[in-house]
Amino acid sequence: MRITILLLLLLASLASAQTVYKVITEDGKVIYSDRPAGNAKPVELKKLNSVSLPPVKNRVPTATVQKKPEVKYTIAFKQPADQATVRNNNGTIRVSATITPRANGLFHLFMDGKQVASNTQPNFTLQNVDRGAHHLQIKYLSGPGKVLASSPSIEVFMHRASIFIRPS
């Protein structure tokens, strides 16, 4: 847009620099031209009206953009409870948690410090978990992998029947 205006102003200034001739035809019509004809007379042009504008000042925005307050997410286990004993011969543990405020994202379940499952909801089912004590933790991650919330670690105990343990 600026370039177009500059070109028009440049053309207007070039046009005003040339001599303009006035020709009156036999039937009384007045014709203006930039080329002299037989009975053409040069026309003295008046100075063009122009307005000089004050310089534009860079405005500093008056209202600062307010950042959205960072949301603080919290994750709490619903099941199993901390220090719970899970008795399942297949080694299955169902894990569920709640996140406040509700969020859609990616949840990762960690068992003994290693990631064992991922889900879009904080609900997991672990299969074939070894007997003994295990530490569980859930982390909520944003799209690029930033940890937004992390649950406290809980300890659960898996009890499975063994063929080596026989009643006497």
C-alpha atoms as a PDB file:
ATOM      1  CA  MET A   1       0.000   0.000   0.000  1.00  0.00           C
ATOM      2  CA  ARG A   2       2.809   2.422   0.883  1.00  0.00           C
ATOM      3  CA  ILE A   3       4.649   1.657  -2.332  1.00  0.00           C
ATOM      4  CA  THR A   4       1.543   2.388  -4.404  1.00  0.00           C
ATOM      5  CA  ILE A   5       1.068   5.759  -2.730  1.00  0.00           C
ATOM      6  CA  LEU A   6       4.737   6.636  -3.230  1.00  0.00           C
ATOM      7  CA  LEU A   7       4.557   5.747  -6.923  1.00  0.00           C
ATOM      8  CA  LEU A   8       1.434   7.872  -7.402  1.00  0.00           C
ATOM      9  CA  LEU A   9       3.086  10.821  -5.673  1.00  0.00           C
ATOM     10  CA  LEU A  10       6.198  10.386  -7.798  1.00  0.00           C
ATOM     11  CA  LEU A  11       4.137  10.316 -10.990  1.00  0.00           C
ATOM     12  CA  ALA A  12       2.198  13.377  -9.863  1.00  0.00           C
ATOM     13  CA  SER A  13       5.417  15.281  -9.219  1.00  0.00           C
ATOM     14  CA  LEU A  14       6.777  14.318 -12.656  1.00  0.00           C
ATOM     15  CA  ALA A  15       3.551  15.441 -14.301  1.00  0.00           C
ATOM     16  CA  SER A  16       3.694  18.792 -12.551  1.00  0.00           C
ATOM     17  CA  ALA A  17       7.275  19.326 -13.749  1.00  0.00           C
ATOM     18  CA  GLN A  18       6.307  19.217 -17.449  1.00  0.00           C
ATOM     19  CA  THR A  19       4.878  22.089 -19.444  1.00  0.00           C
ATOM     20  CA  VAL A  20       1.146  21.930 -20.120  1.00  0.00           C
ATOM     21  CA  TYR A  21      -0.340  23.421 -23.275  1.00  0.00           C
ATOM     22  CA  LYS A  22      -3.868  24.728 -23.824  1.00  0.00           C
ATOM     23  CA  VAL A  23      -5.506  24.388 -27.232  1.00  0.00           C
ATOM     24  CA  ILE A  24      -8.924  25.788 -28.178  1.00  0.00           C
ATOM     25  CA  THR A  25     -10.523  23.925 -31.069  1.00  0.00           C
ATOM     26  CA  GLU A  26     -12.697  25.475 -33.820  1.00  0.00           C
ATOM     27  CA  ASP A  27     -15.908  24.432 -32.061  1.00  0.00           C
ATOM     28  CA  GLY A  28     -14.739  26.029 -28.777  1.00  0.00           C
ATOM     29  CA  LYS A  29     -13.629  22.981 -26.854  1.00  0.00           C
ATOM     30  CA  VAL A  30     -10.632  23.388 -24.593  1.00  0.00           C
ATOM     31  CA  ILE A  31      -8.005  20.632 -24.728  1.00  0.00           C
ATOM     32  CA  TYR A  32      -4.964  20.352 -22.501  1.00  0.00           C
ATOM     33  CA  SER A  33      -1.897  18.471 -23.698  1.00  0.00           C
ATOM     34  CA  ASP A  34       1.771  17.973 -22.932  1.00  0.00           C
ATOM     35  CA  ARG A  35       2.655  18.437 -26.640  1.00  0.00           C
ATOM     36  CA  PRO A  36       2.495  21.806 -28.319  1.00  0.00           C
ATOM     37  CA  ALA A  37       0.095  22.077 -31.257  1.00  0.00           C
ATOM     38  CA  GLY A  38      -0.258  24.809 -33.882  1.00  0.00           C
ATOM     39  CA  ASN A  39      -2.089  27.426 -31.785  1.00  0.00           C
ATOM     40  CA  ALA A  40      -1.246  26.006 -28.325  1.00  0.00           C
ATOM     41  CA  LYS A  41      -0.325  28.331 -25.519  1.00  0.00           C
ATOM     42  CA  PRO A  42       1.664  27.232 -22.465  1.00  0.00           C
ATOM     43  CA  VAL A  43      -0.371  27.227 -19.258  1.00  0.00           C
ATOM     44  CA  GLU A  44       1.138  28.467 -16.038  1.00  0.00           C
ATOM     45  CA  LEU A  45       0.138  25.971 -13.341  1.00  0.00           C
ATOM     46  CA  LYS A  46      -0.499  27.062  -9.818  1.00  0.00           C
ATOM     47  CA  LYS A  47       1.437  25.447  -7.037  1.00  0.00           C
ATOM     48  CA  LEU A  48      -0.269  22.287  -5.805  1.00  0.00           C
ATOM     49  CA  ASN A  49      -1.856  22.344  -2.388  1.00  0.00           C
ATOM     50  CA  SER A  50       0.028  20.156   0.002  1.00  0.00           C
ATOM     51  CA  VAL A  51      -0.191  19.462   3.661  1.00  0.00           C
ATOM     52  CA  SER A  52       2.771  18.537   5.787  1.00  0.00           C
ATOM     53  CA  LEU A  53       1.837  16.097   8.499  1.00  0.00           C
ATOM     54  CA  PRO A  54       3.488  15.984  11.882  1.00  0.00           C
ATOM     55  CA  PRO A  55       5.846  13.054  12.407  1.00  0.00           C
ATOM     56  CA  VAL A  56       4.232   9.863  13.650  1.00  0.00           C
ATOM     57  CA  LYS A  57       5.132   9.002  17.199  1.00  0.00           C
ATOM     58  CA  ASN A  58       5.506   5.378  18.186  1.00  0.00           C
ATOM     59  CA  ARG A  59       2.779   4.638  20.642  1.00  0.00           C
ATOM     60  CA  VAL A  60       3.513   2.655  23.724  1.00  0.00           C
ATOM     61  CA  PRO A  61       0.611   0.352  24.501  1.00  0.00           C
ATOM     62  CA  THR A  62      -1.293   1.717  27.447  1.00  0.00           C
ATOM     63  CA  ALA A  63      -2.767  -1.568  28.550  1.00  0.00           C
ATOM     64  CA  THR A  64      -0.314  -4.326  29.269  1.00  0.00           C
ATOM     65  CA  VAL A  65      -1.279  -7.792  28.196  1.00  0.00           C
ATOM     66  CA  GLN A  66      -2.097  -9.839  31.243  1.00  0.00           C
ATOM     67  CA  LYS A  67      -0.809 -13.382  31.345  1.00  0.00           C
ATOM     68  CA  LYS A  68      -3.193 -16.119  32.225  1.00  0.00           C
ATOM     69  CA  PRO A  69      -2.465 -17.314  35.714  1.00  0.00           C
ATOM     70  CA  GLU A  70      -0.614 -20.605  35.647  1.00  0.00           C
ATOM     71  CA  VAL A  71      -2.925 -23.461  36.540  1.00  0.00           C
ATOM     72  CA  LYS A  72      -1.764 -25.589  39.461  1.00  0.00           C
ATOM     73  CA  TYR A  73      -2.747 -29.207  38.861  1.00  0.00           C
ATOM     74  CA  THR A  74      -2.887 -31.789  41.625  1.00  0.00           C
ATOM     75  CA  ILE A  75      -3.047 -35.551  41.219  1.00  0.00           C
ATOM     76  CA  ALA A  76      -4.330 -37.898  43.926  1.00  0.00           C
ATOM     77  CA  PHE A  77      -4.554 -41.685  43.828  1.00  0.00           C
ATOM     78  CA  LYS A  78      -8.056 -43.192  44.124  1.00  0.00           C
ATOM     79  CA  GLN A  79      -6.833 -46.773  44.079  1.00  0.00           C
ATOM     80  CA  PRO A  80      -4.778 -48.467  45.340  1.00  0.00           C
ATOM     81  CA  ALA A  81      -4.300 -46.655  48.625  1.00  0.00           C
ATOM     82  CA  ASP A  82      -0.846 -46.001  50.026  1.00  0.00           C
ATOM     83  CA  GLN A  83       0.499 -49.061  51.890  1.00  0.00           C
ATOM     84  CA  ALA A  84      -2.269 -51.242  50.364  1.00  0.00           C
ATOM     85  CA  THR A  85      -1.826 -54.951  49.848  1.00  0.00           C
ATOM     86  CA  VAL A  86      -3.035 -56.250  46.491  1.00  0.00           C
ATOM     87  CA  ARG A  87      -3.794 -59.969  46.338  1.00  0.00           C
ATOM     88  CA  ASN A  88      -3.950 -61.178  42.757  1.00  0.00           C
ATOM     89  CA  ASN A  89      -2.370 -64.355  41.412  1.00  0.00           C
ATOM     90  CA  ASN A  90      -2.114 -62.879  37.906  1.00  0.00           C
ATOM     91  CA  GLY A  91      -0.214 -59.867  39.242  1.00  0.00           C
ATOM     92  CA  THR A  92      -2.857 -57.383  38.091  1.00  0.00           C
ATOM     93  CA  ILE A  93      -3.031 -53.944  39.723  1.00  0.00           C
ATOM     94  CA  ARG A  94      -5.703 -51.444  38.732  1.00  0.00           C
ATOM     95  CA  VAL A  95      -4.526 -47.877  39.260  1.00  0.00           C
ATOM     96  CA  SER A  96      -6.766 -44.819  39.075  1.00  0.00           C
ATOM     97  CA  ALA A  97      -6.316 -41.223  40.111  1.00  0.00           C
ATOM     98  CA  THR A  98      -8.035 -37.853  39.943  1.00  0.00           C
ATOM     99  CA  ILE A  99      -6.605 -34.612  38.625  1.00  0.00           C
ATOM    100  CA  THR A 100      -7.796 -31.210  39.786  1.00  0.00           C
ATOM    101  CA  PRO A 101      -8.772 -29.149  37.815  1.00  0.00           C
ATOM    102  CA  ARG A 102      -9.960 -31.557  35.149  1.00  0.00           C
ATOM    103  CA  ALA A 103      -7.543 -31.715  32.265  1.00  0.00           C
ATOM    104  CA  ASN A 104      -6.950 -33.481  28.996  1.00  0.00           C
ATOM    105  CA  GLY A 105      -3.383 -34.455  28.415  1.00  0.00           C
ATOM    106  CA  LEU A 106      -1.047 -37.384  28.742  1.00  0.00           C
ATOM    107  CA  PHE A 107      -0.625 -39.272  31.989  1.00  0.00           C
ATOM    108  CA  HIS A 108       2.394 -41.477  32.661  1.00  0.00           C
ATOM    109  CA  LEU A 109       2.462 -44.164  35.342  1.00  0.00           C
ATOM    110  CA  PHE A 110       5.803 -44.914  36.946  1.00  0.00           C
ATOM    111  CA  MET A 111       6.490 -48.066  38.935  1.00  0.00           C
ATOM    112  CA  ASP A 112       9.720 -48.208  40.925  1.00  0.00           C
ATOM    113  CA  GLY A 113      11.004 -45.136  39.039  1.00  0.00           C
ATOM    114  CA  LYS A 114      10.425 -46.551  35.533  1.00  0.00           C
ATOM    115  CA  GLN A 115       7.627 -45.529  33.183  1.00  0.00           C
ATOM    116  CA  VAL A 116       5.366 -48.547  32.687  1.00  0.00           C
ATOM    117  CA  ALA A 117       2.223 -47.079  31.071  1.00  0.00           C
ATOM    118  CA  SER A 118       0.755 -43.988  29.370  1.00  0.00           C
ATOM    119  CA  ASN A 119      -2.863 -42.973  28.921  1.00  0.00           C
ATOM    120  CA  THR A 120      -4.997 -39.924  28.157  1.00  0.00           C
ATOM    121  CA  GLN A 121      -6.920 -40.581  31.386  1.00  0.00           C
ATOM    122  CA  PRO A 122      -5.392 -41.278  34.808  1.00  0.00           C
ATOM    123  CA  ASN A 123      -6.562 -44.924  34.759  1.00  0.00           C
ATOM    124  CA  PHE A 124      -4.183 -47.846  34.266  1.00  0.00           C
ATOM    125  CA  THR A 125      -4.130 -51.638  34.528  1.00  0.00           C
ATOM    126  CA  LEU A 126      -0.790 -53.285  35.205  1.00  0.00           C
ATOM    127  CA  GLN A 127      -0.351 -56.963  34.342  1.00  0.00           C
ATOM    128  CA  ASN A 128       2.061 -59.564  35.703  1.00  0.00           C
ATOM    129  CA  VAL A 129       3.485 -57.390  38.473  1.00  0.00           C
ATOM    130  CA  ASP A 130       6.096 -59.242  40.527  1.00  0.00           C
ATOM    131  CA  ARG A 131       5.495 -60.038  44.172  1.00  0.00           C
ATOM    132  CA  GLY A 132       6.760 -57.569  46.741  1.00  0.00           C
ATOM    133  CA  ALA A 133       6.741 -53.839  47.434  1.00  0.00           C
ATOM    134  CA  HIS A 134       6.387 -51.353  44.578  1.00  0.00           C
ATOM    135  CA  HIS A 135       6.345 -47.547  44.427  1.00  0.00           C
ATOM    136  CA  LEU A 136       3.774 -45.955  42.099  1.00  0.00           C
ATOM    137  CA  GLN A 137       3.632 -42.383  40.823  1.00  0.00           C
ATOM    138  CA  ILE A 138       1.612 -40.603  38.109  1.00  0.00           C
ATOM    139  CA  LYS A 139       2.851 -37.598  36.141  1.00  0.00           C
ATOM    140  CA  TYR A 140       0.704 -35.310  33.967  1.00  0.00           C
ATOM    141  CA  LEU A 141       2.523 -33.910  30.941  1.00  0.00           C
ATOM    142  CA  SER A 142       1.691 -31.178  28.461  1.00  0.00           C
ATOM    143  CA  GLY A 143       2.073 -31.700  24.727  1.00  0.00           C
ATOM    144  CA  PRO A 144       5.786 -30.856  24.482  1.00  0.00           C
ATOM    145  CA  GLY A 145       6.649 -33.062  27.466  1.00  0.00           C
ATOM    146  CA  LYS A 146       6.660 -30.513  30.263  1.00  0.00           C
ATOM    147  CA  VAL A 147       5.591 -32.051  33.596  1.00  0.00           C
ATOM    148  CA  LEU A 148       2.573 -30.060  34.812  1.00  0.00           C
ATOM    149  CA  ALA A 149       1.736 -32.199  37.834  1.00  0.00           C
ATOM    150  CA  SER A 150       3.153 -35.113  39.710  1.00  0.00           C
ATOM    151  CA  SER A 151       1.423 -37.265  42.307  1.00  0.00           C
ATOM    152  CA  PRO A 152       3.085 -38.210  45.543  1.00  0.00           C
ATOM    153  CA  SER A 153       4.679 -41.642  45.395  1.00  0.00           C
ATOM    154  CA  ILE A 154       2.726 -44.435  47.088  1.00  0.00           C
ATOM    155  CA  GLU A 155       3.880 -47.881  48.122  1.00  0.00           C
ATOM    156  CA  VAL A 156       1.799 -50.992  47.407  1.00  0.00           C
ATOM    157  CA  PHE A 157       2.465 -54.639  48.159  1.00  0.00           C
ATOM    158  CA  MET A 158       1.709 -57.363  45.616  1.00  0.00           C
ATOM    159  CA  HIS A 159       0.837 -60.780  47.051  1.00  0.00           C
ATOM    160  CA  ARG A 160       0.758 -63.731  44.635  1.00  0.00           C
ATOM    161  CA  ALA A 161       0.490 -67.417  45.373  1.00  0.00           C
ATOM    162  CA  SER A 162       3.681 -69.369  44.882  1.00  0.00           C
ATOM    163  CA  ILE A 163       4.157 -73.034  44.091  1.00  0.00           C
ATOM    164  CA  PHE A 164       7.183 -72.988  46.363  1.00  0.00           C
ATOM    165  CA  ILE A 165       5.170 -72.050  49.424  1.00  0.00           C
ATOM    166  CA  ARG A 166       3.132 -75.070  50.543  1.00  0.00           C
ATOM    167  CA  PRO A 167       1.158 -75.405  53.690  1.00  0.00           C
ATOM    168  CA  SER A 168       2.575 -78.045  56.031  1.00  0.00           C
END
